[in-house]
Structures are given as C-alpha cells and as structure tokens.
Amino acid sequence: MADMVTMDLVSPEKLLLSDEYEMVVVPGSEGDFAVMAGHTAVTSSLRPGVISIFEGDTEKDRIFVNGGFAQISDDKLTVLAEEAIHVADLDRANLEQRIQDASEDIADAKDDEIRRKAQESKEQLEQLLEALV
C-alpha cells in the first residue's frame, strides 16, 4: 500500500472531510502544489480553485475552494477554506444563468458599491463554472 497523507478540510461551518489519500493537489496562491506523504512542512494561502484528490493516477474527487489556507506538517494536510463545494454538486445551467443575472446587475447598478459587489459575485460564479471543466 502506498504511503498516505491525512487531509482535513474545514470550512467556517464544519469539518467537511477527514480521510487518507495518496496525493492531494492544492490551489496555492503561488500555484498548484501536490501533497504526498513525507511532504516538507509548508503553510500557504489558497487562491480560488479546485483541490484534486488522487488514488494512484486516478482523480477520485474535486472540491472547489474559494480562498483560505493550507498547512502541511508530517503526513497531515489541513485546509481551512473560506468556502468549499464538491464540484460534482455544481449545476452548469444554474451557474450560467446566475452569471447572466450578475452581468445584468452590473449593467443596472446605480452606484459603485452595488456594481463592485455584483462584479465580485460574477467573478466567483465564473470560477465555479471554470471548475466544471
């Protein structure tokens, strides 16, 4: 059996995942990085992106995270995510409609603050849609 790394994925609401995996690819702020058993101790901020969980060469699961931090020590990876959503739970048609609605909100915005919030919402929805690829 291959050496395993334990990963805990925590959102503000709860512990979402706690299990052992062969390899986890994390969207670090400086670029994606793979974590396997024996990885050097590292702490990294996360950019919005997808955590990919592997068993051998097979991608077992994909989870979109919207920022946060990852800490690796010994054979443990702890991800503290601002938001985490299983990619399998995303609906393409729903996301596309929400992106269109956000675009309309940007165009209809009466002040800069409303426009900024609508733009942030649209960008996050586009990142979610990109995760479906």
Protein backbone atom coordinates (compact mmCIF):
# COMPACT_ATOMS: atom_id res chain seq x y z
CA MET A 1 0.00 0.00 0.00
CA ALA A 2 1.27 3.49 -0.86
CA ASP A 3 2.14 5.96 1.86
CA MET A 4 -0.85 8.14 2.67
CA VAL A 5 -1.34 11.74 3.73
CA THR A 6 -4.23 12.61 6.03
CA MET A 7 -6.29 15.58 4.86
CA ASP A 8 -8.74 17.57 6.95
CA LEU A 9 -10.87 20.06 5.03
CA VAL A 10 -12.54 22.59 7.28
CA SER A 11 -14.97 25.36 6.33
CA PRO A 12 -16.28 28.03 8.71
CA GLU A 13 -19.34 25.85 9.34
CA LYS A 14 -17.86 22.39 9.91
CA LEU A 15 -15.30 19.69 9.19
CA LEU A 16 -16.14 18.68 5.61
CA LEU A 17 -13.66 15.91 5.05
CA SER A 18 -11.14 13.90 7.03
CA ASP A 19 -9.52 10.93 5.33
CA GLU A 20 -6.26 9.49 3.97
CA TYR A 21 -5.18 9.90 0.35
CA GLU A 22 -2.17 9.10 -1.80
CA MET A 23 -1.93 12.62 -3.24
CA VAL A 24 -3.82 15.91 -2.97
CA VAL A 25 -3.26 18.82 -5.38
CA VAL A 26 -3.96 22.19 -3.77
CA PRO A 27 -4.51 25.60 -5.48
CA GLY A 28 -1.87 27.62 -3.64
CA SER A 29 -1.61 31.37 -4.07
CA GLU A 30 1.74 30.88 -5.86
CA GLY A 31 0.46 27.98 -7.99
CA ASP A 32 -0.85 24.45 -7.60
CA PHE A 33 1.18 22.06 -5.47
CA ALA A 34 0.91 18.35 -4.78
CA VAL A 35 0.97 16.98 -1.24
CA MET A 36 2.04 13.40 -0.59
CA ALA A 37 3.26 11.55 2.49
CA GLY A 38 6.58 12.97 3.66
CA HIS A 39 5.96 16.46 2.23
CA THR A 40 8.03 19.27 3.72
CA ALA A 41 6.23 21.43 6.28
CA VAL A 42 4.57 24.35 4.45
CA THR A 43 1.87 26.92 5.10
CA SER A 44 0.29 28.55 2.05
CA SER A 45 -2.62 30.82 1.34
CA LEU A 46 -5.08 29.46 -1.23
CA ARG A 47 -6.47 31.11 -4.31
CA PRO A 48 -9.93 30.20 -5.59
CA GLY A 49 -9.57 26.87 -7.38
CA VAL A 50 -10.02 23.13 -7.22
CA ILE A 51 -8.50 20.67 -4.76
CA SER A 52 -7.94 17.40 -6.63
CA ILE A 53 -7.75 14.18 -4.63
CA PHE A 54 -5.93 11.22 -6.20
CA GLU A 55 -5.64 7.49 -5.66
CA GLY A 56 -2.79 6.40 -7.87
CA ASP A 57 -3.20 8.11 -11.24
CA THR A 58 -6.97 8.42 -10.83
CA GLU A 59 -8.63 11.63 -9.70
CA LYS A 60 -11.06 10.49 -7.00
CA ASP A 61 -12.69 13.77 -6.02
CA ARG A 62 -12.66 17.50 -6.86
CA ILE A 63 -13.57 20.24 -4.40
CA PHE A 64 -13.76 23.95 -5.26
CA VAL A 65 -12.37 26.23 -2.55
CA ASN A 66 -12.79 29.98 -2.51
CA GLY A 67 -9.65 31.02 -0.69
CA GLY A 68 -8.27 30.05 2.69
CA PHE A 69 -5.07 28.44 3.96
CA ALA A 70 -3.32 25.07 3.73
CA GLN A 71 -0.89 23.77 6.32
CA ILE A 72 1.26 20.70 5.82
CA SER A 73 3.19 19.05 8.64
CA ASP A 74 4.49 15.50 8.85
CA ASP A 75 1.93 13.39 6.95
CA LYS A 76 -1.03 15.73 7.53
CA LEU A 77 -2.63 18.39 5.32
CA THR A 78 -5.10 20.77 6.91
CA VAL A 79 -7.11 23.02 4.61
CA LEU A 80 -9.01 25.90 6.17
CA ALA A 81 -11.30 27.04 3.36
CA GLU A 82 -13.42 30.18 3.30
CA GLU A 83 -15.89 28.17 1.21
CA ALA A 84 -15.79 24.60 -0.14
CA ILE A 85 -18.12 22.93 -2.65
CA HIS A 86 -17.84 19.48 -4.24
CA VAL A 87 -17.56 20.06 -7.99
CA ALA A 88 -20.00 17.18 -8.57
CA ASP A 89 -22.68 19.24 -6.77
CA LEU A 90 -22.43 22.15 -9.24
CA ASP A 91 -25.05 22.65 -11.98
CA ARG A 92 -23.76 24.21 -15.22
CA ALA A 93 -27.11 25.65 -16.39
CA ASN A 94 -27.79 27.21 -12.99
CA LEU A 95 -24.31 28.79 -12.87
CA GLU A 96 -24.63 30.16 -16.41
CA GLN A 97 -27.98 31.75 -15.54
CA ARG A 98 -26.57 33.25 -12.34
CA ILE A 99 -23.60 34.68 -14.29
CA GLN A 100 -26.00 36.29 -16.77
CA ASP A 101 -28.07 37.71 -13.89
CA ALA A 102 -24.91 39.13 -12.28
CA SER A 103 -23.90 40.72 -15.59
CA GLU A 104 -27.30 42.40 -15.75
CA ASP A 105 -26.89 43.56 -12.15
CA ILE A 106 -23.55 45.14 -13.08
CA ALA A 107 -25.11 46.94 -16.05
CA ASP A 108 -28.08 48.14 -13.95
CA ALA A 109 -26.05 49.22 -10.90
CA LYS A 110 -26.82 52.74 -9.73
CA ASP A 111 -23.66 53.21 -7.64
CA ASP A 112 -20.08 51.92 -7.45
CA GLU A 113 -20.59 49.78 -4.33
CA ILE A 114 -23.51 47.83 -5.85
CA ARG A 115 -21.53 47.44 -9.09
CA ARG A 116 -18.45 46.18 -7.17
CA LYS A 117 -20.49 43.58 -5.24
CA ALA A 118 -22.17 42.37 -8.44
CA GLN A 119 -18.77 42.12 -10.14
CA GLU A 120 -17.34 40.08 -7.24
CA SER A 121 -20.35 37.77 -7.38
CA LYS A 122 -19.95 37.32 -11.13
CA GLU A 123 -16.23 36.53 -10.80
CA GLN A 124 -16.87 33.92 -8.13
CA LEU A 125 -19.59 32.30 -10.24
CA GLU A 126 -17.23 32.24 -13.24
CA GLN A 127 -14.61 30.48 -11.10
CA LEU A 128 -17.19 27.88 -10.10
CA LEU A 129 -18.14 27.37 -13.76
CA GLU A 130 -14.47 27.00 -14.68
CA ALA A 131 -14.16 24.25 -12.06
CA LEU A 132 -16.61 22.15 -14.10
CA VAL A 133 -14.13 21.88 -16.98
